[in-house]
């Protein structure tokens, strides 16, 4: 993928945290970009482990009130139920679009 098709994500942190991160990434055999791609992928795919961490952070730092956090959690749970009930994972949704494209190429 060319650099035209990519965007940079930048954040600032204290030098000590930066150094500690570099040491940990080296210890785990990861690069900075690889680490953030892993974490971004987990977050965007609503991985339950990441969602739990985000939920705890929001609670500790008073981000959203209890009602809003509960509502968000219920929505995630409901979405998982619907996906499970109708077997609508990413692959299945992609297959549906492939079938539609074959049957109706003019769309």
PDB file of N, CA and C in Angstrom:
ATOM      1  N   UNK A   1       0.851  -1.176   0.000  1.00  0.00           N
ATOM      2  CA  UNK A   1       0.000   0.000   0.000  1.00  0.00           C
ATOM      3  C   UNK A   1       0.894   1.236   0.000  1.00  0.00           C
ATOM      4  N   UNK A   2       0.615   2.148  -0.913  1.00  0.00           N
ATOM      5  CA  UNK A   2       1.429   3.352  -0.998  1.00  0.00           C
ATOM      6  C   UNK A   2       1.113   4.298   0.154  1.00  0.00           C
ATOM      7  N   UNK A   3       2.036   5.217   0.395  1.00  0.00           N
ATOM      8  CA  UNK A   3       1.838   6.163   1.502  1.00  0.00           C
ATOM      9  C   UNK A   3       0.664   7.099   1.237  1.00  0.00           C
ATOM     10  N   UNK A   4       0.225   7.220  -0.036  1.00  0.00           N
ATOM     11  CA  UNK A   4      -0.944   8.041  -0.347  1.00  0.00           C
ATOM     12  C   UNK A   4      -2.208   7.430   0.257  1.00  0.00           C
ATOM     13  N   UNK A   5      -2.212   6.120   0.438  1.00  0.00           N
ATOM     14  CA  UNK A   5      -3.384   5.423   0.959  1.00  0.00           C
ATOM     15  C   UNK A   5      -3.318   5.206   2.464  1.00  0.00           C
ATOM     16  N   UNK A   6      -2.443   5.918   3.123  1.00  0.00           N
ATOM     17  CA  UNK A   6      -2.280   5.769   4.567  1.00  0.00           C
ATOM     18  C   UNK A   6      -2.347   7.127   5.240  1.00  0.00           C
ATOM     19  N   UNK A   7      -2.752   7.112   6.488  1.00  0.00           N
ATOM     20  CA  UNK A   7      -2.767   8.317   7.306  1.00  0.00           C
ATOM     21  C   UNK A   7      -1.952   8.055   8.561  1.00  0.00           C
ATOM     22  N   UNK A   8      -1.277   9.070   9.050  1.00  0.00           N
ATOM     23  CA  UNK A   8      -0.481   8.946  10.265  1.00  0.00           C
ATOM     24  C   UNK A   8      -1.354   9.262  11.472  1.00  0.00           C
ATOM     25  N   UNK A   9      -1.128   8.522  12.536  1.00  0.00           N
ATOM     26  CA  UNK A   9      -1.772   8.799  13.820  1.00  0.00           C
ATOM     27  C   UNK A   9      -0.650   9.147  14.787  1.00  0.00           C
ATOM     28  N   UNK A  10      -0.754  10.317  15.386  1.00  0.00           N
ATOM     29  CA  UNK A  10       0.318  10.807  16.249  1.00  0.00           C
ATOM     30  C   UNK A  10      -0.249  11.178  17.605  1.00  0.00           C
ATOM     31  N   UNK A  11       0.494  10.870  18.645  1.00  0.00           N
ATOM     32  CA  UNK A  11       0.133  11.354  19.971  1.00  0.00           C
ATOM     33  C   UNK A  11       1.423  11.644  20.719  1.00  0.00           C
ATOM     34  N   UNK A  12       1.308  12.456  21.737  1.00  0.00           N
ATOM     35  CA  UNK A  12       2.464  12.855  22.514  1.00  0.00           C
ATOM     36  C   UNK A  12       2.391  12.230  23.899  1.00  0.00           C
ATOM     37  N   UNK A  13       3.562  11.855  24.409  1.00  0.00           N
ATOM     38  CA  UNK A  13       3.637  11.289  25.758  1.00  0.00           C
ATOM     39  C   UNK A  13       4.966  11.717  26.379  1.00  0.00           C
ATOM     40  N   UNK A  14       5.057  11.606  27.688  1.00  0.00           N
ATOM     41  CA  UNK A  14       6.312  11.972  28.362  1.00  0.00           C
ATOM     42  C   UNK A  14       7.466  11.062  27.886  1.00  0.00           C
ATOM     43  N   UNK A  15       8.685  11.590  27.892  1.00  0.00           N
ATOM     44  CA  UNK A  15       9.846  10.810  27.439  1.00  0.00           C
ATOM     45  C   UNK A  15       9.998   9.472  28.157  1.00  0.00           C
ATOM     46  N   UNK A  16       9.695   9.404  29.444  1.00  0.00           N
ATOM     47  CA  UNK A  16       9.823   8.154  30.204  1.00  0.00           C
ATOM     48  C   UNK A  16       8.875   7.085  29.659  1.00  0.00           C
ATOM     49  N   UNK A  17       7.635   7.469  29.371  1.00  0.00           N
ATOM     50  CA  UNK A  17       6.669   6.512  28.821  1.00  0.00           C
ATOM     51  C   UNK A  17       7.122   6.068  27.435  1.00  0.00           C
ATOM     52  N   UNK A  18       7.610   6.998  26.640  1.00  0.00           N
ATOM     53  CA  UNK A  18       8.102   6.654  25.298  1.00  0.00           C
ATOM     54  C   UNK A  18       9.235   5.631  25.385  1.00  0.00           C
ATOM     55  N   UNK A  19      10.175   5.870  26.273  1.00  0.00           N
ATOM     56  CA  UNK A  19      11.305   4.942  26.440  1.00  0.00           C
ATOM     57  C   UNK A  19      10.817   3.581  26.929  1.00  0.00           C
ATOM     58  N   UNK A  20       9.897   3.584  27.893  1.00  0.00           N
ATOM     59  CA  UNK A  20       9.363   2.317  28.417  1.00  0.00           C
ATOM     60  C   UNK A  20       8.623   1.535  27.329  1.00  0.00           C
ATOM     61  N   UNK A  21       7.866   2.252  26.505  1.00  0.00           N
ATOM     62  CA  UNK A  21       7.167   1.584  25.408  1.00  0.00           C
ATOM     63  C   UNK A  21       8.154   0.955  24.434  1.00  0.00           C
ATOM     64  N   UNK A  22       9.195   1.695  24.072  1.00  0.00           N
ATOM     65  CA  UNK A  22      10.189   1.158  23.143  1.00  0.00           C
ATOM     66  C   UNK A  22      10.843  -0.106  23.694  1.00  0.00           C
ATOM     67  N   UNK A  23      11.142  -0.107  24.988  1.00  0.00           N
ATOM     68  CA  UNK A  23      11.748  -1.285  25.621  1.00  0.00           C
ATOM     69  C   UNK A  23      10.781  -2.457  25.567  1.00  0.00           C
ATOM     70  N   UNK A  24       9.498  -2.219  25.912  1.00  0.00           N
ATOM     71  CA  UNK A  24       8.493  -3.295  25.908  1.00  0.00           C
ATOM     72  C   UNK A  24       8.279  -3.839  24.502  1.00  0.00           C
ATOM     73  N   UNK A  25       8.189  -2.933  23.498  1.00  0.00           N
ATOM     74  CA  UNK A  25       7.999  -3.387  22.126  1.00  0.00           C
ATOM     75  C   UNK A  25       9.169  -4.237  21.677  1.00  0.00           C
ATOM     76  N   UNK A  26      10.370  -3.812  22.023  1.00  0.00           N
ATOM     77  CA  UNK A  26      11.557  -4.587  21.652  1.00  0.00           C
ATOM     78  C   UNK A  26      11.525  -5.947  22.348  1.00  0.00           C
ATOM     79  N   UNK A  27      11.176  -5.971  23.620  1.00  0.00           N
ATOM     80  CA  UNK A  27      11.098  -7.213  24.382  1.00  0.00           C
ATOM     81  C   UNK A  27      10.098  -8.182  23.741  1.00  0.00           C
ATOM     82  N   UNK A  28       8.967  -7.660  23.274  1.00  0.00           N
ATOM     83  CA  UNK A  28       7.929  -8.491  22.670  1.00  0.00           C
ATOM     84  C   UNK A  28       8.125  -8.710  21.173  1.00  0.00           C
ATOM     85  N   UNK A  29       9.179  -8.134  20.614  1.00  0.00           N
ATOM     86  CA  UNK A  29       9.450  -8.324  19.188  1.00  0.00           C
ATOM     87  C   UNK A  29       8.482  -7.573  18.290  1.00  0.00           C
ATOM     88  N   UNK A  30       7.982  -6.463  18.769  1.00  0.00           N
ATOM     89  CA  UNK A  30       7.029  -5.664  18.003  1.00  0.00           C
ATOM     90  C   UNK A  30       7.619  -4.301  17.683  1.00  0.00           C
ATOM     91  N   UNK A  31       7.147  -3.726  16.608  1.00  0.00           N
ATOM     92  CA  UNK A  31       7.482  -2.346  16.297  1.00  0.00           C
ATOM     93  C   UNK A  31       6.329  -1.459  16.722  1.00  0.00           C
ATOM     94  N   UNK A  32       6.585  -0.179  16.757  1.00  0.00           N
ATOM     95  CA  UNK A  32       5.566   0.789  17.156  1.00  0.00           C
ATOM     96  C   UNK A  32       4.343   0.696  16.250  1.00  0.00           C
ATOM     97  N   UNK A  33       4.545   0.694  14.946  1.00  0.00           N
ATOM     98  CA  UNK A  33       3.426   0.638  14.003  1.00  0.00           C
ATOM     99  C   UNK A  33       2.638  -0.649  14.164  1.00  0.00           C
ATOM    100  N   UNK A  34       3.354  -1.761  14.291  1.00  0.00           N
ATOM    101  CA  UNK A  34       2.685  -3.049  14.442  1.00  0.00           C
ATOM    102  C   UNK A  34       1.818  -3.068  15.708  1.00  0.00           C
ATOM    103  N   UNK A  35       2.370  -2.560  16.801  1.00  0.00           N
ATOM    104  CA  UNK A  35       1.624  -2.510  18.053  1.00  0.00           C
ATOM    105  C   UNK A  35       0.328  -1.718  17.887  1.00  0.00           C
ATOM    106  N   UNK A  36       0.420  -0.529  17.296  1.00  0.00           N
ATOM    107  CA  UNK A  36      -0.773   0.299  17.167  1.00  0.00           C
ATOM    108  C   UNK A  36      -1.756  -0.269  16.143  1.00  0.00           C
ATOM    109  N   UNK A  37      -1.265  -0.961  15.120  1.00  0.00           N
ATOM    110  CA  UNK A  37      -2.192  -1.622  14.192  1.00  0.00           C
ATOM    111  C   UNK A  37      -2.946  -2.741  14.903  1.00  0.00           C
ATOM    112  N   UNK A  38      -2.256  -3.508  15.751  1.00  0.00           N
ATOM    113  CA  UNK A  38      -2.908  -4.574  16.523  1.00  0.00           C
ATOM    114  C   UNK A  38      -3.991  -3.981  17.410  1.00  0.00           C
ATOM    115  N   UNK A  39      -3.630  -2.964  18.177  1.00  0.00           N
ATOM    116  CA  UNK A  39      -4.575  -2.371  19.116  1.00  0.00           C
ATOM    117  C   UNK A  39      -5.753  -1.718  18.385  1.00  0.00           C
ATOM    118  N   UNK A  40      -5.480  -1.050  17.276  1.00  0.00           N
ATOM    119  CA  UNK A  40      -6.546  -0.416  16.499  1.00  0.00           C
ATOM    120  C   UNK A  40      -7.501  -1.453  15.936  1.00  0.00           C
ATOM    121  N   UNK A  41      -6.951  -2.540  15.424  1.00  0.00           N
ATOM    122  CA  UNK A  41      -7.778  -3.609  14.871  1.00  0.00           C
ATOM    123  C   UNK A  41      -8.689  -4.210  15.945  1.00  0.00           C
ATOM    124  N   UNK A  42      -8.131  -4.482  17.113  1.00  0.00           N
ATOM    125  CA  UNK A  42      -8.932  -5.023  18.217  1.00  0.00           C
ATOM    126  C   UNK A  42     -10.037  -4.055  18.620  1.00  0.00           C
ATOM    127  N   UNK A  43      -9.713  -2.793  18.694  1.00  0.00           N
ATOM    128  CA  UNK A  43     -10.681  -1.772  19.099  1.00  0.00           C
ATOM    129  C   UNK A  43     -11.790  -1.632  18.053  1.00  0.00           C
ATOM    130  N   UNK A  44     -11.407  -1.530  16.792  1.00  0.00           N
ATOM    131  CA  UNK A  44     -12.402  -1.348  15.729  1.00  0.00           C
ATOM    132  C   UNK A  44     -13.279  -2.582  15.538  1.00  0.00           C
ATOM    133  N   UNK A  45     -12.747  -3.756  15.851  1.00  0.00           N
ATOM    134  CA  UNK A  45     -13.527  -4.988  15.753  1.00  0.00           C
ATOM    135  C   UNK A  45     -14.260  -5.308  17.042  1.00  0.00           C
ATOM    136  N   UNK A  46     -14.281  -4.350  17.943  1.00  0.00           N
ATOM    137  CA  UNK A  46     -15.012  -4.452  19.207  1.00  0.00           C
ATOM    138  C   UNK A  46     -14.641  -5.705  19.993  1.00  0.00           C
ATOM    139  N   UNK A  47     -13.362  -5.981  20.058  1.00  0.00           N
ATOM    140  CA  UNK A  47     -12.875  -7.112  20.840  1.00  0.00           C
ATOM    141  C   UNK A  47     -13.271  -6.904  22.298  1.00  0.00           C
ATOM    142  N   UNK A  48     -13.857  -7.920  22.904  1.00  0.00           N
ATOM    143  CA  UNK A  48     -14.387  -7.780  24.265  1.00  0.00           C
ATOM    144  C   UNK A  48     -13.310  -7.402  25.277  1.00  0.00           C
ATOM    145  N   UNK A  49     -12.064  -7.844  25.054  1.00  0.00           N
ATOM    146  CA  UNK A  49     -10.991  -7.502  25.990  1.00  0.00           C
ATOM    147  C   UNK A  49     -10.704  -6.007  25.969  1.00  0.00           C
ATOM    148  N   UNK A  50     -10.672  -5.438  24.785  1.00  0.00           N
ATOM    149  CA  UNK A  50     -10.415  -4.001  24.657  1.00  0.00           C
ATOM    150  C   UNK A  50     -11.609  -3.200  25.171  1.00  0.00           C
ATOM    151  N   UNK A  51     -12.815  -3.660  24.847  1.00  0.00           N
ATOM    152  CA  UNK A  51     -14.003  -2.950  25.310  1.00  0.00           C
ATOM    153  C   UNK A  51     -14.071  -2.912  26.825  1.00  0.00           C
ATOM    154  N   UNK A  52     -13.650  -3.986  27.455  1.00  0.00           N
ATOM    155  CA  UNK A  52     -13.631  -4.028  28.918  1.00  0.00           C
ATOM    156  C   UNK A  52     -12.651  -3.000  29.487  1.00  0.00           C
ATOM    157  N   UNK A  53     -11.490  -2.898  28.859  1.00  0.00           N
ATOM    158  CA  UNK A  53     -10.476  -1.929  29.289  1.00  0.00           C
ATOM    159  C   UNK A  53     -10.998  -0.501  29.091  1.00  0.00           C
ATOM    160  N   UNK A  54     -11.607  -0.244  27.947  1.00  0.00           N
ATOM    161  CA  UNK A  54     -12.157   1.081  27.656  1.00  0.00           C
ATOM    162  C   UNK A  54     -13.263   1.417  28.657  1.00  0.00           C
ATOM    163  N   UNK A  55     -14.122   0.446  28.943  1.00  0.00           N
ATOM    164  CA  UNK A  55     -15.209   0.655  29.895  1.00  0.00           C
ATOM    165  C   UNK A  55     -14.664   1.023  31.273  1.00  0.00           C
ATOM    166  N   UNK A  56     -13.648   0.309  31.724  1.00  0.00           N
ATOM    167  CA  UNK A  56     -13.042   0.586  33.026  1.00  0.00           C
ATOM    168  C   UNK A  56     -12.407   1.978  33.043  1.00  0.00           C
ATOM    169  N   UNK A  57     -11.726   2.335  31.954  1.00  0.00           N
ATOM    170  CA  UNK A  57     -11.102   3.656  31.856  1.00  0.00           C
ATOM    171  C   UNK A  57     -12.165   4.757  31.930  1.00  0.00           C
ATOM    172  N   UNK A  58     -13.259   4.571  31.178  1.00  0.00           N
ATOM    173  CA  UNK A  58     -14.326   5.566  31.172  1.00  0.00           C
ATOM    174  C   UNK A  58     -14.931   5.720  32.567  1.00  0.00           C
ATOM    175  N   UNK A  59     -15.074   4.613  33.268  1.00  0.00           N
ATOM    176  CA  UNK A  59     -15.633   4.650  34.623  1.00  0.00           C
ATOM    177  C   UNK A  59     -14.697   5.391  35.570  1.00  0.00           C
ATOM    178  N   UNK A  60     -13.416   5.046  35.550  1.00  0.00           N
ATOM    179  CA  UNK A  60     -12.433   5.665  36.439  1.00  0.00           C
ATOM    180  C   UNK A  60     -12.262   7.158  36.173  1.00  0.00           C
ATOM    181  N   UNK A  61     -12.373   7.539  34.903  1.00  0.00           N
ATOM    182  CA  UNK A  61     -12.135   8.931  34.520  1.00  0.00           C
ATOM    183  C   UNK A  61     -13.422   9.714  34.301  1.00  0.00           C
ATOM    184  N   UNK A  62     -14.531   9.125  34.736  1.00  0.00           N
ATOM    185  CA  UNK A  62     -15.839   9.783  34.672  1.00  0.00           C
ATOM    186  C   UNK A  62     -16.173  10.286  33.264  1.00  0.00           C
ATOM    187  N   UNK A  63     -15.930   9.430  32.291  1.00  0.00           N
ATOM    188  CA  UNK A  63     -16.296   9.714  30.911  1.00  0.00           C
ATOM    189  C   UNK A  63     -17.656   9.062  30.687  1.00  0.00           C
ATOM    190  N   UNK A  64     -18.629   9.842  30.379  1.00  0.00           N
ATOM    191  CA  UNK A  64     -20.035   9.438  30.296  1.00  0.00           C
ATOM    192  C   UNK A  64     -20.522   9.066  31.691  1.00  0.00           C
ATOM    193  N   UNK A  65     -21.800   9.179  31.883  1.00  0.00           N
ATOM    194  CA  UNK A  65     -22.358   8.794  33.174  1.00  0.00           C
ATOM    195  C   UNK A  65     -22.688   7.295  33.157  1.00  0.00           C
ATOM    196  N   UNK A  66     -23.084   6.757  34.310  1.00  0.00           N
ATOM    197  CA  UNK A  66     -23.377   5.323  34.412  1.00  0.00           C
ATOM    198  C   UNK A  66     -24.447   4.895  33.414  1.00  0.00           C
ATOM    199  N   UNK A  67     -25.473   5.715  33.259  1.00  0.00           N
ATOM    200  CA  UNK A  67     -26.568   5.374  32.351  1.00  0.00           C
ATOM    201  C   UNK A  67     -26.069   5.245  30.906  1.00  0.00           C
ATOM    202  N   UNK A  68     -25.266   6.192  30.467  1.00  0.00           N
ATOM    203  CA  UNK A  68     -24.727   6.174  29.103  1.00  0.00           C
ATOM    204  C   UNK A  68     -23.835   4.952  28.900  1.00  0.00           C
ATOM    205  N   UNK A  69     -22.990   4.642  29.887  1.00  0.00           N
ATOM    206  CA  UNK A  69     -22.105   3.483  29.765  1.00  0.00           C
ATOM    207  C   UNK A  69     -22.905   2.183  29.711  1.00  0.00           C
ATOM    208  N   UNK A  70     -23.957   2.083  30.517  1.00  0.00           N
ATOM    209  CA  UNK A  70     -24.808   0.888  30.507  1.00  0.00           C
ATOM    210  C   UNK A  70     -25.514   0.740  29.166  1.00  0.00           C
ATOM    211  N   UNK A  71     -26.004   1.851  28.641  1.00  0.00           N
ATOM    212  CA  UNK A  71     -26.703   1.831  27.356  1.00  0.00           C
ATOM    213  C   UNK A  71     -25.752   1.376  26.243  1.00  0.00           C
ATOM    214  N   UNK A  72     -24.540   1.890  26.253  1.00  0.00           N
ATOM    215  CA  UNK A  72     -23.546   1.503  25.253  1.00  0.00           C
ATOM    216  C   UNK A  72     -23.235   0.015  25.355  1.00  0.00           C
ATOM    217  N   UNK A  73     -23.063  -0.477  26.567  1.00  0.00           N
ATOM    218  CA  UNK A  73     -22.777  -1.892  26.770  1.00  0.00           C
ATOM    219  C   UNK A  73     -23.924  -2.762  26.258  1.00  0.00           C
ATOM    220  N   UNK A  74     -25.162  -2.355  26.538  1.00  0.00           N
ATOM    221  CA  UNK A  74     -26.326  -3.108  26.056  1.00  0.00           C
ATOM    222  C   UNK A  74     -26.372  -3.131  24.531  1.00  0.00           C
ATOM    223  N   UNK A  75     -26.027  -2.007  23.904  1.00  0.00           N
ATOM    224  CA  UNK A  75     -26.020  -1.952  22.438  1.00  0.00           C
ATOM    225  C   UNK A  75     -24.989  -2.912  21.855  1.00  0.00           C
ATOM    226  N   UNK A  76     -23.802  -2.965  22.454  1.00  0.00           N
ATOM    227  CA  UNK A  76     -22.779  -3.912  21.994  1.00  0.00           C
ATOM    228  C   UNK A  76     -23.265  -5.354  22.143  1.00  0.00           C
ATOM    229  N   UNK A  77     -23.879  -5.649  23.297  1.00  0.00           N
ATOM    230  CA  UNK A  77     -24.379  -7.003  23.537  1.00  0.00           C
ATOM    231  C   UNK A  77     -25.483  -7.360  22.551  1.00  0.00           C
ATOM    232  N   UNK A  78     -26.364  -6.413  22.284  1.00  0.00           N
ATOM    233  CA  UNK A  78     -27.464  -6.644  21.337  1.00  0.00           C
ATOM    234  C   UNK A  78     -26.913  -6.885  19.931  1.00  0.00           C
ATOM    235  N   UNK A  79     -25.921  -6.118  19.546  1.00  0.00           N
ATOM    236  CA  UNK A  79     -25.313  -6.301  18.225  1.00  0.00           C
ATOM    237  C   UNK A  79     -24.697  -7.693  18.097  1.00  0.00           C
ATOM    238  N   UNK A  80     -24.038  -8.160  19.149  1.00  0.00           N
ATOM    239  CA  UNK A  80     -23.449  -9.503  19.120  1.00  0.00           C
ATOM    240  C   UNK A  80     -24.539 -10.567  18.993  1.00  0.00           C
ATOM    241  N   UNK A  81     -25.668 -10.369  19.693  1.00  0.00           N
ATOM    242  CA  UNK A  81     -26.773 -11.321  19.609  1.00  0.00           C
ATOM    243  C   UNK A  81     -27.340 -11.390  18.196  1.00  0.00           C
ATOM    244  N   UNK A  82     -27.516 -10.239  17.576  1.00  0.00           N
ATOM    245  CA  UNK A  82     -28.064 -10.192  16.218  1.00  0.00           C
ATOM    246  C   UNK A  82     -27.104 -10.852  15.237  1.00  0.00           C
ATOM    247  N   UNK A  83     -25.820 -10.555  15.361  1.00  0.00           N
ATOM    248  CA  UNK A  83     -24.819 -11.182  14.493  1.00  0.00           C
ATOM    249  C   UNK A  83     -24.850 -12.688  14.646  1.00  0.00           C
ATOM    250  N   UNK A  84     -24.931 -13.147  15.874  1.00  0.00           N
ATOM    251  CA  UNK A  84     -24.962 -14.577  16.153  1.00  0.00           C
ATOM    252  C   UNK A  84     -26.245 -15.215  15.628  1.00  0.00           C
ATOM    253  N   UNK A  85     -27.364 -14.578  15.875  1.00  0.00           N
ATOM    254  CA  UNK A  85     -28.671 -15.115  15.480  1.00  0.00           C
ATOM    255  C   UNK A  85     -28.763 -15.297  13.971  1.00  0.00           C
ATOM    256  N   UNK A  86     -28.265 -14.333  13.237  1.00  0.00           N
ATOM    257  CA  UNK A  86     -28.367 -14.381  11.791  1.00  0.00           C
ATOM    258  C   UNK A  86     -27.069 -14.805  11.113  1.00  0.00           C
ATOM    259  N   UNK A  87     -26.084 -15.221  11.878  1.00  0.00           N
ATOM    260  CA  UNK A  87     -24.777 -15.637  11.348  1.00  0.00           C
ATOM    261  C   UNK A  87     -24.219 -14.595  10.392  1.00  0.00           C
ATOM    262  N   UNK A  88     -24.190 -13.367  10.837  1.00  0.00           N
ATOM    263  CA  UNK A  88     -23.746 -12.273   9.987  1.00  0.00           C
ATOM    264  C   UNK A  88     -22.370 -11.760  10.379  1.00  0.00           C
ATOM    265  N   UNK A  89     -21.382 -12.594  10.186  1.00  0.00           N
ATOM    266  CA  UNK A  89     -20.012 -12.140  10.380  1.00  0.00           C
ATOM    267  C   UNK A  89     -19.565 -11.372   9.148  1.00  0.00           C
ATOM    268  N   UNK A  90     -18.378 -10.827   9.181  1.00  0.00           N
ATOM    269  CA  UNK A  90     -17.859 -10.052   8.047  1.00  0.00           C
ATOM    270  C   UNK A  90     -17.842 -10.858   6.754  1.00  0.00           C
ATOM    271  N   UNK A  91     -17.456 -12.124   6.849  1.00  0.00           N
ATOM    272  CA  UNK A  91     -17.385 -12.973   5.653  1.00  0.00           C
ATOM    273  C   UNK A  91     -18.761 -13.183   5.033  1.00  0.00           C
ATOM    274  N   UNK A  92     -19.769 -13.391   5.880  1.00  0.00           N
ATOM    275  CA  UNK A  92     -21.121 -13.608   5.372  1.00  0.00           C
ATOM    276  C   UNK A  92     -21.665 -12.354   4.700  1.00  0.00           C
ATOM    277  N   UNK A  93     -21.432 -11.217   5.297  1.00  0.00           N
ATOM    278  CA  UNK A  93     -21.894  -9.960   4.707  1.00  0.00           C
ATOM    279  C   UNK A  93     -21.200  -9.739   3.368  1.00  0.00           C
ATOM    280  N   UNK A  94     -19.912 -10.012   3.314  1.00  0.00           N
ATOM    281  CA  UNK A  94     -19.157  -9.866   2.061  1.00  0.00           C
ATOM    282  C   UNK A  94     -19.704 -10.810   0.995  1.00  0.00           C
ATOM    283  N   UNK A  95     -20.051 -12.044   1.386  1.00  0.00           N
ATOM    284  CA  UNK A  95     -20.618 -13.018   0.449  1.00  0.00           C
ATOM    285  C   UNK A  95     -21.941 -12.522  -0.122  1.00  0.00           C
ATOM    286  N   UNK A  96     -22.762 -11.926   0.722  1.00  0.00           N
ATOM    287  CA  UNK A  96     -24.042 -11.385   0.256  1.00  0.00           C
ATOM    288  C   UNK A  96     -23.811 -10.321  -0.797  1.00  0.00           C
ATOM    289  N   UNK A  97     -22.863  -9.432  -0.544  1.00  0.00           N
ATOM    290  CA  UNK A  97     -22.576  -8.380  -1.524  1.00  0.00           C
ATOM    291  C   UNK A  97     -21.989  -8.955  -2.811  1.00  0.00           C
ATOM    292  N   UNK A  98     -21.177  -9.996  -2.713  1.00  0.00           N
ATOM    293  CA  UNK A  98     -20.637 -10.645  -3.910  1.00  0.00           C
ATOM    294  C   UNK A  98     -21.752 -11.239  -4.752  1.00  0.00           C
ATOM    295  N   UNK A  99     -22.714 -11.909  -4.090  1.00  0.00           N
ATOM    296  CA  UNK A  99     -23.852 -12.489  -4.810  1.00  0.00           C
ATOM    297  C   UNK A  99     -24.679 -11.412  -5.495  1.00  0.00           C
ATOM    298  N   UNK A 100     -24.947 -10.332  -4.782  1.00  0.00           N
ATOM    299  CA  UNK A 100     -25.713  -9.224  -5.366  1.00  0.00           C
ATOM    300  C   UNK A 100     -24.986  -8.627  -6.553  1.00  0.00           C
ATOM    301  N   UNK A 101     -23.695  -8.495  -6.443  1.00  0.00           N
ATOM    302  CA  UNK A 101     -22.903  -7.920  -7.527  1.00  0.00           C
ATOM    303  C   UNK A 101     -22.942  -8.810  -8.770  1.00  0.00           C
ATOM    304  N   UNK A 102     -22.888 -10.133  -8.576  1.00  0.00           N
ATOM    305  CA  UNK A 102     -22.954 -11.063  -9.698  1.00  0.00           C
ATOM    306  C   UNK A 102     -24.321 -11.002 -10.388  1.00  0.00           C
ATOM    307  N   UNK A 103     -25.371 -10.959  -9.590  1.00  0.00           N
ATOM    308  CA  UNK A 103     -26.725 -10.970 -10.149  1.00  0.00           C
ATOM    309  C   UNK A 103     -27.130  -9.626 -10.742  1.00  0.00           C
ATOM    310  N   UNK A 104     -26.569  -8.555 -10.210  1.00  0.00           N
ATOM    311  CA  UNK A 104     -26.935  -7.213 -10.666  1.00  0.00           C
ATOM    312  C   UNK A 104     -25.668  -6.385 -10.878  1.00  0.00           C
ATOM    313  N   UNK A 105     -24.895  -6.687 -11.935  1.00  0.00           N
ATOM    314  CA  UNK A 105     -23.631  -5.963 -12.145  1.00  0.00           C
ATOM    315  C   UNK A 105     -23.811  -4.483 -12.451  1.00  0.00           C
ATOM    316  N   UNK A 106     -25.028  -4.092 -12.861  1.00  0.00           N
ATOM    317  CA  UNK A 106     -25.275  -2.689 -13.179  1.00  0.00           C
ATOM    318  C   UNK A 106     -25.467  -1.803 -11.967  1.00  0.00           C
ATOM    319  N   UNK A 107     -25.559  -2.400 -10.766  1.00  0.00           N
ATOM    320  CA  UNK A 107     -25.765  -1.601  -9.544  1.00  0.00           C
ATOM    321  C   UNK A 107     -24.516  -0.904  -9.095  1.00  0.00           C
TER     322      UNK A 107
END
